[in-house]
N, C-alpha and C. Protein backbone atom coordinates (compact mmCIF):
# COMPACT_ATOMS: atom_id res chain seq x y z
N MET A 1 9.58 64.88 -77.68
CA MET A 1 9.88 63.47 -77.80
C MET A 1 9.51 63.03 -79.21
N THR A 2 10.37 62.27 -79.86
CA THR A 2 10.11 61.82 -81.22
C THR A 2 9.36 60.50 -81.21
N ALA A 3 8.64 60.27 -82.29
CA ALA A 3 7.87 59.03 -82.39
C ALA A 3 8.78 57.90 -82.83
N GLY A 4 8.60 56.75 -82.21
CA GLY A 4 9.34 55.55 -82.58
C GLY A 4 8.48 54.67 -83.45
N PRO A 5 8.83 53.38 -83.55
CA PRO A 5 8.03 52.45 -84.34
C PRO A 5 6.57 52.44 -83.88
N ALA A 6 5.69 52.28 -84.78
CA ALA A 6 4.24 52.22 -84.51
C ALA A 6 3.71 53.52 -83.91
N GLY A 7 4.47 54.61 -84.01
CA GLY A 7 3.98 55.90 -83.53
C GLY A 7 4.13 56.13 -82.05
N TYR A 8 4.69 55.17 -81.29
CA TYR A 8 4.87 55.37 -79.87
C TYR A 8 6.09 56.24 -79.62
N PRO A 9 6.12 56.99 -78.53
CA PRO A 9 7.30 57.79 -78.22
C PRO A 9 8.53 56.89 -78.12
N SER A 10 9.66 57.38 -78.60
CA SER A 10 10.87 56.57 -78.58
C SER A 10 11.58 56.74 -77.25
N VAL A 11 11.08 56.05 -76.25
CA VAL A 11 11.69 56.03 -74.92
C VAL A 11 12.03 54.59 -74.60
N ILE A 12 12.96 54.40 -73.72
CA ILE A 12 13.31 53.05 -73.29
C ILE A 12 12.37 52.68 -72.15
N MET A 13 11.71 51.53 -72.27
CA MET A 13 10.77 51.11 -71.25
C MET A 13 11.53 50.47 -70.10
N THR A 14 11.46 51.07 -68.94
CA THR A 14 12.08 50.53 -67.73
C THR A 14 11.03 50.58 -66.63
N ASP A 15 11.38 50.02 -65.49
CA ASP A 15 10.44 50.05 -64.37
C ASP A 15 10.07 51.48 -64.00
N SER A 16 10.95 52.45 -64.24
CA SER A 16 10.64 53.83 -63.90
C SER A 16 9.55 54.42 -64.78
N ASN A 17 9.22 53.77 -65.92
CA ASN A 17 8.16 54.25 -66.79
C ASN A 17 6.77 53.82 -66.32
N PHE A 18 6.73 52.92 -65.35
CA PHE A 18 5.46 52.39 -64.90
C PHE A 18 5.08 52.99 -63.56
N PRO A 19 3.77 53.01 -63.27
CA PRO A 19 3.34 53.49 -61.97
C PRO A 19 3.96 52.63 -60.86
N THR A 20 4.11 53.19 -59.69
CA THR A 20 4.71 52.48 -58.57
C THR A 20 4.01 51.16 -58.28
N SER A 21 2.72 51.09 -58.50
CA SER A 21 1.98 49.87 -58.18
C SER A 21 2.45 48.67 -58.99
N ALA A 22 3.10 48.89 -60.13
CA ALA A 22 3.57 47.78 -60.96
C ALA A 22 4.99 47.37 -60.61
N ALA A 23 5.71 48.20 -59.87
CA ALA A 23 7.12 47.93 -59.61
C ALA A 23 7.36 46.59 -58.94
N GLY A 24 6.54 46.22 -57.97
CA GLY A 24 6.74 44.96 -57.26
C GLY A 24 5.78 43.86 -57.68
N ALA A 25 5.00 44.12 -58.70
CA ALA A 25 3.99 43.14 -59.12
C ALA A 25 4.50 42.35 -60.31
N ASP A 26 4.68 41.07 -60.11
CA ASP A 26 5.15 40.20 -61.18
C ASP A 26 4.00 39.40 -61.76
N PHE A 27 4.09 39.16 -63.05
CA PHE A 27 3.14 38.27 -63.72
C PHE A 27 3.94 37.09 -64.26
N ALA A 28 3.73 35.94 -63.70
CA ALA A 28 4.41 34.73 -64.18
C ALA A 28 3.44 33.56 -64.04
N ARG A 29 3.17 32.91 -65.16
CA ARG A 29 2.26 31.77 -65.17
C ARG A 29 2.83 30.68 -66.06
N THR A 30 2.69 29.44 -65.65
CA THR A 30 3.05 28.29 -66.48
C THR A 30 1.82 27.43 -66.62
N GLU A 31 1.49 27.08 -67.85
CA GLU A 31 0.29 26.30 -68.16
C GLU A 31 0.62 25.23 -69.19
N THR A 32 -0.30 24.32 -69.35
CA THR A 32 -0.22 23.33 -70.41
C THR A 32 -0.26 24.04 -71.76
N ALA A 33 0.54 23.60 -72.70
CA ALA A 33 0.60 24.25 -74.02
C ALA A 33 -0.56 23.77 -74.88
N ASP A 34 -1.72 24.43 -74.71
CA ASP A 34 -2.90 24.12 -75.52
C ASP A 34 -3.76 25.36 -75.68
N ALA A 35 -4.75 25.28 -76.55
CA ALA A 35 -5.57 26.44 -76.89
C ALA A 35 -6.33 27.01 -75.69
N LEU A 36 -6.83 26.15 -74.82
CA LEU A 36 -7.56 26.64 -73.65
C LEU A 36 -6.65 27.45 -72.73
N SER A 37 -5.43 27.00 -72.58
CA SER A 37 -4.47 27.73 -71.74
C SER A 37 -4.10 29.07 -72.37
N VAL A 38 -4.00 29.12 -73.69
CA VAL A 38 -3.73 30.39 -74.36
C VAL A 38 -4.80 31.41 -74.00
N ALA A 39 -6.05 31.02 -74.11
CA ALA A 39 -7.16 31.92 -73.79
C ALA A 39 -7.14 32.33 -72.33
N ARG A 40 -6.88 31.38 -71.44
CA ARG A 40 -6.86 31.67 -70.00
C ARG A 40 -5.72 32.63 -69.67
N LEU A 41 -4.52 32.37 -70.20
CA LEU A 41 -3.38 33.25 -69.93
C LEU A 41 -3.59 34.65 -70.48
N ARG A 42 -4.17 34.74 -71.68
CA ARG A 42 -4.46 36.06 -72.27
C ARG A 42 -5.42 36.84 -71.38
N HIS A 43 -6.44 36.17 -70.89
CA HIS A 43 -7.43 36.81 -70.01
C HIS A 43 -6.77 37.25 -68.69
N GLU A 44 -5.96 36.38 -68.09
CA GLU A 44 -5.29 36.73 -66.84
C GLU A 44 -4.32 37.89 -67.03
N LEU A 45 -3.60 37.89 -68.16
CA LEU A 45 -2.70 39.00 -68.45
C LEU A 45 -3.47 40.30 -68.61
N ALA A 46 -4.59 40.27 -69.30
CA ALA A 46 -5.41 41.47 -69.47
C ALA A 46 -5.85 42.03 -68.12
N GLU A 47 -6.28 41.16 -67.23
CA GLU A 47 -6.69 41.60 -65.90
C GLU A 47 -5.51 42.20 -65.13
N TRP A 48 -4.35 41.54 -65.21
CA TRP A 48 -3.16 42.02 -64.51
C TRP A 48 -2.74 43.39 -65.04
N LEU A 49 -2.73 43.54 -66.34
CA LEU A 49 -2.37 44.82 -66.94
C LEU A 49 -3.32 45.93 -66.49
N HIS A 50 -4.60 45.61 -66.47
CA HIS A 50 -5.62 46.59 -66.06
C HIS A 50 -5.40 47.04 -64.61
N ILE A 51 -5.04 46.10 -63.75
CA ILE A 51 -4.84 46.41 -62.33
C ILE A 51 -3.55 47.18 -62.09
N HIS A 52 -2.47 46.79 -62.76
CA HIS A 52 -1.15 47.29 -62.40
C HIS A 52 -0.57 48.38 -63.30
N LEU A 53 -1.11 48.56 -64.48
CA LEU A 53 -0.56 49.56 -65.40
C LEU A 53 -1.67 50.44 -65.97
N THR A 54 -1.30 51.63 -66.34
CA THR A 54 -2.21 52.52 -67.03
C THR A 54 -1.80 52.54 -68.50
N LEU A 55 -2.53 51.83 -69.32
CA LEU A 55 -2.24 51.75 -70.75
C LEU A 55 -3.45 52.24 -71.53
N ASP A 56 -3.19 52.99 -72.61
CA ASP A 56 -4.32 53.34 -73.46
C ASP A 56 -4.79 52.07 -74.19
N ARG A 57 -5.96 52.13 -74.76
CA ARG A 57 -6.58 50.97 -75.38
C ARG A 57 -5.68 50.35 -76.47
N ASP A 58 -5.08 51.18 -77.30
CA ASP A 58 -4.24 50.66 -78.38
C ASP A 58 -3.03 49.92 -77.85
N ARG A 59 -2.37 50.50 -76.87
CA ARG A 59 -1.19 49.84 -76.31
C ARG A 59 -1.59 48.54 -75.60
N LEU A 60 -2.69 48.54 -74.86
CA LEU A 60 -3.17 47.32 -74.20
C LEU A 60 -3.41 46.23 -75.23
N TYR A 61 -4.11 46.56 -76.30
CA TYR A 61 -4.40 45.56 -77.33
C TYR A 61 -3.13 45.09 -78.03
N ASP A 62 -2.16 45.99 -78.20
CA ASP A 62 -0.88 45.58 -78.80
C ASP A 62 -0.19 44.54 -77.92
N VAL A 63 -0.14 44.80 -76.61
CA VAL A 63 0.51 43.86 -75.68
C VAL A 63 -0.21 42.53 -75.70
N LEU A 64 -1.53 42.55 -75.66
CA LEU A 64 -2.31 41.31 -75.66
C LEU A 64 -2.16 40.55 -76.98
N LEU A 65 -2.09 41.27 -78.08
CA LEU A 65 -1.90 40.63 -79.38
C LEU A 65 -0.56 39.92 -79.46
N VAL A 66 0.50 40.59 -79.02
CA VAL A 66 1.83 39.99 -79.04
C VAL A 66 1.88 38.76 -78.13
N ALA A 67 1.34 38.88 -76.92
CA ALA A 67 1.33 37.75 -76.00
C ALA A 67 0.52 36.59 -76.57
N ASN A 68 -0.63 36.89 -77.16
CA ASN A 68 -1.47 35.85 -77.75
C ASN A 68 -0.74 35.13 -78.88
N GLU A 69 -0.05 35.90 -79.72
CA GLU A 69 0.69 35.30 -80.84
C GLU A 69 1.79 34.38 -80.34
N ALA A 70 2.54 34.82 -79.34
CA ALA A 70 3.62 34.00 -78.79
C ALA A 70 3.08 32.73 -78.14
N LEU A 71 2.00 32.88 -77.37
CA LEU A 71 1.40 31.71 -76.72
C LEU A 71 0.83 30.74 -77.74
N THR A 72 0.15 31.26 -78.74
CA THR A 72 -0.43 30.41 -79.79
C THR A 72 0.66 29.65 -80.52
N ASN A 73 1.76 30.33 -80.86
CA ASN A 73 2.87 29.65 -81.53
C ASN A 73 3.45 28.55 -80.64
N SER A 74 3.57 28.82 -79.35
CA SER A 74 4.08 27.80 -78.43
C SER A 74 3.16 26.60 -78.37
N ALA A 75 1.87 26.87 -78.24
CA ALA A 75 0.90 25.78 -78.15
C ALA A 75 0.83 24.96 -79.43
N GLU A 76 0.95 25.63 -80.57
CA GLU A 76 0.78 24.95 -81.85
C GLU A 76 2.05 24.27 -82.36
N TYR A 77 3.20 24.90 -82.17
CA TYR A 77 4.41 24.41 -82.84
C TYR A 77 5.51 23.85 -81.92
N ALA A 78 5.54 24.24 -80.67
CA ALA A 78 6.68 23.89 -79.82
C ALA A 78 6.81 22.39 -79.57
N TYR A 79 5.72 21.71 -79.44
CA TYR A 79 5.80 20.31 -79.04
C TYR A 79 5.35 19.33 -80.12
N ARG A 80 4.76 19.81 -81.18
CA ARG A 80 4.37 18.98 -82.33
C ARG A 80 3.71 17.66 -81.91
N GLY A 81 2.55 17.78 -81.27
CA GLY A 81 1.77 16.60 -80.91
C GLY A 81 2.12 15.98 -79.57
N ARG A 82 3.14 16.48 -78.91
CA ARG A 82 3.49 15.98 -77.57
C ARG A 82 2.97 16.97 -76.54
N GLU A 83 2.78 16.50 -75.32
CA GLU A 83 2.37 17.39 -74.25
C GLU A 83 3.55 18.21 -73.78
N GLY A 84 3.27 19.43 -73.37
CA GLY A 84 4.32 20.31 -72.86
C GLY A 84 3.72 21.49 -72.14
N THR A 85 4.56 22.38 -71.69
CA THR A 85 4.10 23.57 -70.97
C THR A 85 4.64 24.83 -71.65
N MET A 86 4.03 25.95 -71.29
CA MET A 86 4.49 27.25 -71.76
C MET A 86 4.40 28.20 -70.58
N THR A 87 5.31 29.16 -70.55
CA THR A 87 5.36 30.12 -69.46
C THR A 87 5.25 31.53 -70.02
N LEU A 88 4.40 32.33 -69.40
CA LEU A 88 4.29 33.75 -69.72
C LEU A 88 4.80 34.49 -68.51
N ASP A 89 5.88 35.22 -68.69
CA ASP A 89 6.56 35.87 -67.56
C ASP A 89 6.90 37.30 -67.93
């Protein structure tokens, strides 16, 4: 198998790449778009990933970093001083 971007194997990620326990487990949360919700969602995602997937430390941190960046951008820029929500699905 050849290495893809960031040194990961170049395979297509599908449900068949995950353990059976993750196949029927969905993670979907909607929260207020603010900093406290970003932290809470990141923590809940980390717990969900730990329970449902087997990821090495680097891949886990990569997923959490990307999710944190997306949530932070939503909380900071999406509503520009107005209240709103964000969904991590």
